Amino acid sequence: MKKILLILFDLLLVVLLIVLVKDEFKHTIKPESKPIIVNQKEDTVDVIQLLKNEFPNLFDKSSLKEVYKEGQPINKSQIKSIDNLLGNFDSITKVSSNMGIVSGWFFSGKDQVDFILFIDNKNQVLGAGLAGIERPGLSKAIGKENADDAGWVGYINLNDSIEKIQVICKFKNKAGFYAITSQEEWDMVQNNEK
């Protein structure tokens, strides 16, 4: 049952991606949305604008807009792990040569996730995501109450030099960034078919 739900969730993400990449990002996501901004010089996607358009309520509640700087390195000493942080880096779906949509979940009973960052093997920020996405059945699957909204979705700018991607989260009530200790990196070479 869990696998079926994950497959259905992934299919929903694929449909969303098809809508997003139609006409090489030269359309709007929704009639009331602003166009997706592509940096023509670097051929990258404006991750912040995508998240703001697709998840306006979650975006407005997060502090992502104040701290996000793509390409900025994260100091390794700022990345911590805590025992009560559960999570998974579910998938990266490449939707163009330079863009992917990523999904997963983070749960830490008492701490609320503010936003997600994706960093490469040099700790440089590649993209971002928002937490609070519904994951029906997650509470039952992990045996924790109130985990059904622990999902996250984000966008990432990709290039051929990326070998590994790590997902880290920022909590609303804690300094620094936190990583899942059990599965913290996505190997782009090994998972090339994604």
Protein backbone atom coordinates (compact mmCIF):
# COMPACT_ATOMS: atom_id res chain seq x y z
CA MET A 1 0.00 0.00 0.00
CA LYS A 2 2.88 2.36 0.88
CA LYS A 3 4.54 1.72 -2.48
CA ILE A 4 1.28 2.41 -4.33
CA LEU A 5 0.89 5.72 -2.51
CA LEU A 6 4.47 6.69 -3.32
CA ILE A 7 3.97 5.76 -6.98
CA LEU A 8 0.76 7.82 -7.12
CA PHE A 9 2.54 10.74 -5.46
CA ASP A 10 5.42 10.47 -7.96
CA LEU A 11 2.95 10.35 -10.87
CA LEU A 12 1.29 13.49 -9.55
CA LEU A 13 4.69 15.18 -9.44
CA VAL A 14 5.44 14.08 -13.02
CA VAL A 15 2.15 15.58 -14.24
CA LEU A 16 2.98 18.78 -12.38
CA LEU A 17 6.40 18.83 -14.01
CA ILE A 18 4.97 18.38 -17.49
CA VAL A 19 2.81 21.42 -16.91
CA LEU A 20 5.81 23.36 -15.60
CA VAL A 21 8.23 22.61 -18.40
CA LYS A 22 5.83 22.95 -21.29
CA ASP A 23 7.21 25.36 -23.89
CA GLU A 24 10.63 25.47 -22.18
CA PHE A 25 9.43 27.58 -19.22
CA LYS A 26 8.06 30.39 -21.42
CA HIS A 27 4.51 30.11 -20.14
CA THR A 28 2.85 30.77 -16.82
CA ILE A 29 2.15 28.04 -14.31
CA LYS A 30 -1.32 29.37 -13.63
CA PRO A 31 -3.25 32.14 -15.38
CA GLU A 32 -2.87 34.36 -12.29
CA SER A 33 0.84 33.52 -11.81
CA LYS A 34 3.83 35.42 -13.08
CA PRO A 35 5.94 33.65 -15.73
CA ILE A 36 8.67 31.32 -14.55
CA ILE A 37 11.90 33.25 -14.64
CA VAL A 38 14.78 31.59 -16.44
CA ASN A 39 18.21 33.18 -16.26
CA GLN A 40 19.04 33.09 -19.97
CA LYS A 41 22.75 33.69 -19.39
CA GLU A 42 23.17 30.70 -17.07
CA ASP A 43 20.09 28.76 -18.20
CA THR A 44 18.87 28.29 -14.63
CA VAL A 45 15.40 28.40 -13.14
CA ASP A 46 14.33 30.90 -10.48
CA VAL A 47 13.64 28.42 -7.68
CA ILE A 48 12.17 31.07 -5.37
CA GLN A 49 9.64 32.22 -7.98
CA LEU A 50 8.58 28.62 -8.69
CA LEU A 51 8.01 27.89 -5.00
CA LYS A 52 6.18 31.17 -4.49
CA ASN A 53 3.88 30.47 -7.47
CA GLU A 54 3.15 26.84 -6.64
CA PHE A 55 2.94 26.96 -2.83
CA PRO A 56 2.05 30.57 -1.89
CA ASN A 57 0.75 29.76 1.61
CA LEU A 58 3.75 27.63 2.58
CA PHE A 59 6.12 30.12 0.97
CA ASP A 60 4.68 33.06 2.91
CA LYS A 61 5.03 31.14 6.21
CA SER A 62 8.69 30.29 5.60
CA SER A 63 11.82 32.41 6.02
CA LEU A 64 13.26 31.01 2.77
CA LYS A 65 12.92 34.28 0.85
CA GLU A 66 15.18 36.06 3.37
CA VAL A 67 18.04 33.54 3.33
CA TYR A 68 18.10 31.77 -0.04
CA LYS A 69 21.11 32.45 -2.25
CA GLU A 70 21.76 29.93 -4.97
CA GLY A 71 25.39 28.95 -5.34
CA GLN A 72 26.17 30.16 -1.82
CA PRO A 73 28.24 27.65 0.12
CA ILE A 74 26.90 26.34 3.43
CA ASN A 75 29.58 26.00 6.08
CA LYS A 76 29.86 22.30 6.97
CA SER A 77 29.92 23.24 10.67
CA GLN A 78 26.38 24.66 10.29
CA ILE A 79 25.04 21.21 9.26
CA LYS A 80 24.10 19.12 12.28
CA SER A 81 22.23 15.92 12.93
CA ILE A 82 19.82 15.11 15.73
CA ASP A 83 18.55 11.73 16.82
CA ASN A 84 14.86 12.54 16.58
CA LEU A 85 15.00 13.69 12.93
CA LEU A 86 13.43 11.13 10.62
CA GLY A 87 13.15 11.54 6.91
CA ASN A 88 13.79 10.39 3.41
CA PHE A 89 15.06 11.88 0.16
CA ASP A 90 12.49 10.16 -2.07
CA SER A 91 13.21 11.25 -5.61
CA ILE A 92 14.70 13.63 -8.11
CA THR A 93 12.81 13.84 -11.38
CA LYS A 94 14.84 15.54 -14.06
CA VAL A 95 12.47 17.66 -16.16
CA SER A 96 15.05 19.34 -18.37
CA SER A 97 18.80 19.26 -18.81
CA ASN A 98 19.21 21.75 -15.99
CA MET A 99 16.18 21.40 -13.71
CA GLY A 100 14.70 18.80 -11.43
CA ILE A 101 11.87 18.50 -8.97
CA VAL A 102 12.69 16.75 -5.71
CA SER A 103 10.54 15.27 -2.99
CA GLY A 104 10.81 13.60 0.37
CA TRP A 105 9.87 14.09 3.98
CA PHE A 106 11.31 15.26 7.31
CA PHE A 107 9.75 14.66 10.72
CA SER A 108 10.95 15.72 14.13
CA GLY A 109 8.13 15.51 16.65
CA LYS A 110 8.56 18.85 18.42
CA ASP A 111 10.42 20.86 15.76
CA GLN A 112 8.69 22.39 12.75
CA VAL A 113 10.62 22.44 9.47
CA ASP A 114 10.84 25.94 7.99
CA PHE A 115 12.39 25.12 4.59
CA ILE A 116 14.67 22.70 2.74
CA LEU A 117 17.95 23.34 0.91
CA PHE A 118 19.74 21.09 -1.56
CA ILE A 119 23.53 21.25 -1.61
CA ASP A 120 26.17 19.59 -3.76
CA ASN A 121 29.35 17.80 -2.71
CA LYS A 122 31.04 21.23 -2.34
CA ASN A 123 28.21 22.38 0.00
CA GLN A 124 26.96 24.93 -2.55
CA VAL A 125 23.21 25.60 -2.62
CA LEU A 126 21.56 24.12 -5.75
CA GLY A 127 17.91 24.69 -4.92
CA ALA A 128 15.26 24.82 -2.23
CA GLY A 129 11.99 23.29 -1.10
CA LEU A 130 9.09 23.87 1.22
CA ALA A 131 7.83 21.60 3.97
CA GLY A 132 4.25 20.96 5.03
CA ILE A 133 3.14 18.87 2.05
CA GLU A 134 0.58 16.21 2.92
CA ARG A 135 1.86 12.62 3.06
CA PRO A 136 -1.25 10.59 4.01
CA GLY A 137 -0.35 7.46 5.93
CA LEU A 138 3.12 8.62 6.95
CA SER A 139 2.15 8.79 10.64
CA LYS A 140 1.08 5.16 10.54
CA ALA A 141 4.09 4.06 8.49
CA ILE A 142 6.67 5.55 10.89
CA GLY A 143 4.64 5.09 14.06
CA LYS A 144 4.59 8.80 14.94
CA GLU A 145 1.56 11.04 15.45
CA ASN A 146 1.12 14.21 13.38
CA ALA A 147 3.54 13.21 10.59
CA ASP A 148 1.03 13.25 7.73
CA ASP A 149 2.08 16.78 6.70
CA ALA A 150 5.83 16.16 6.92
CA GLY A 151 6.36 16.03 3.16
CA TRP A 152 8.50 18.45 1.20
CA VAL A 153 8.81 19.36 -2.47
CA GLY A 154 11.42 21.53 -4.11
CA TYR A 155 13.20 22.57 -7.26
CA ILE A 156 16.85 22.19 -8.06
CA ASN A 157 19.17 23.54 -10.73
CA LEU A 158 21.27 20.69 -12.10
CA ASN A 159 24.48 20.48 -14.07
CA ASP A 160 26.77 17.67 -15.22
CA SER A 161 29.39 18.35 -12.56
CA ILE A 162 27.07 17.45 -9.65
CA GLU A 163 28.00 14.08 -8.17
CA LYS A 164 25.99 14.00 -4.95
CA ILE A 165 23.10 16.03 -3.57
CA GLN A 166 22.39 16.36 0.12
CA VAL A 167 19.10 17.58 1.52
CA ILE A 168 19.20 19.68 4.67
CA CYS A 169 16.42 21.40 6.56
CA LYS A 170 16.10 24.55 8.62
CA PHE A 171 13.82 24.41 11.65
CA LYS A 172 11.73 27.40 12.65
CA ASN A 173 13.02 27.29 16.25
CA LYS A 174 16.68 26.25 15.84
CA ALA A 175 19.85 27.77 14.44
CA GLY A 176 21.79 25.96 11.74
CA PHE A 177 20.77 23.26 9.30
CA TYR A 178 19.96 19.61 9.94
CA ALA A 179 20.51 16.50 7.84
CA ILE A 180 18.97 13.06 7.89
CA THR A 181 21.65 10.75 9.24
CA SER A 182 20.40 7.52 7.66
CA GLN A 183 20.02 8.65 4.03
CA GLU A 184 21.49 12.06 3.52
CA GLU A 185 22.84 12.06 -0.04
CA TRP A 186 21.49 11.30 -3.48
CA ASP A 187 24.17 9.87 -5.74
CA MET A 188 23.65 11.44 -9.18
CA VAL A 189 26.01 9.00 -10.88
CA GLN A 190 24.40 5.89 -9.39
CA ASN A 191 20.86 7.23 -9.83
CA ASN A 192 21.42 8.70 -13.31
CA GLU A 193 18.18 7.24 -14.65
CA LYS A 194 16.15 9.44 -12.28
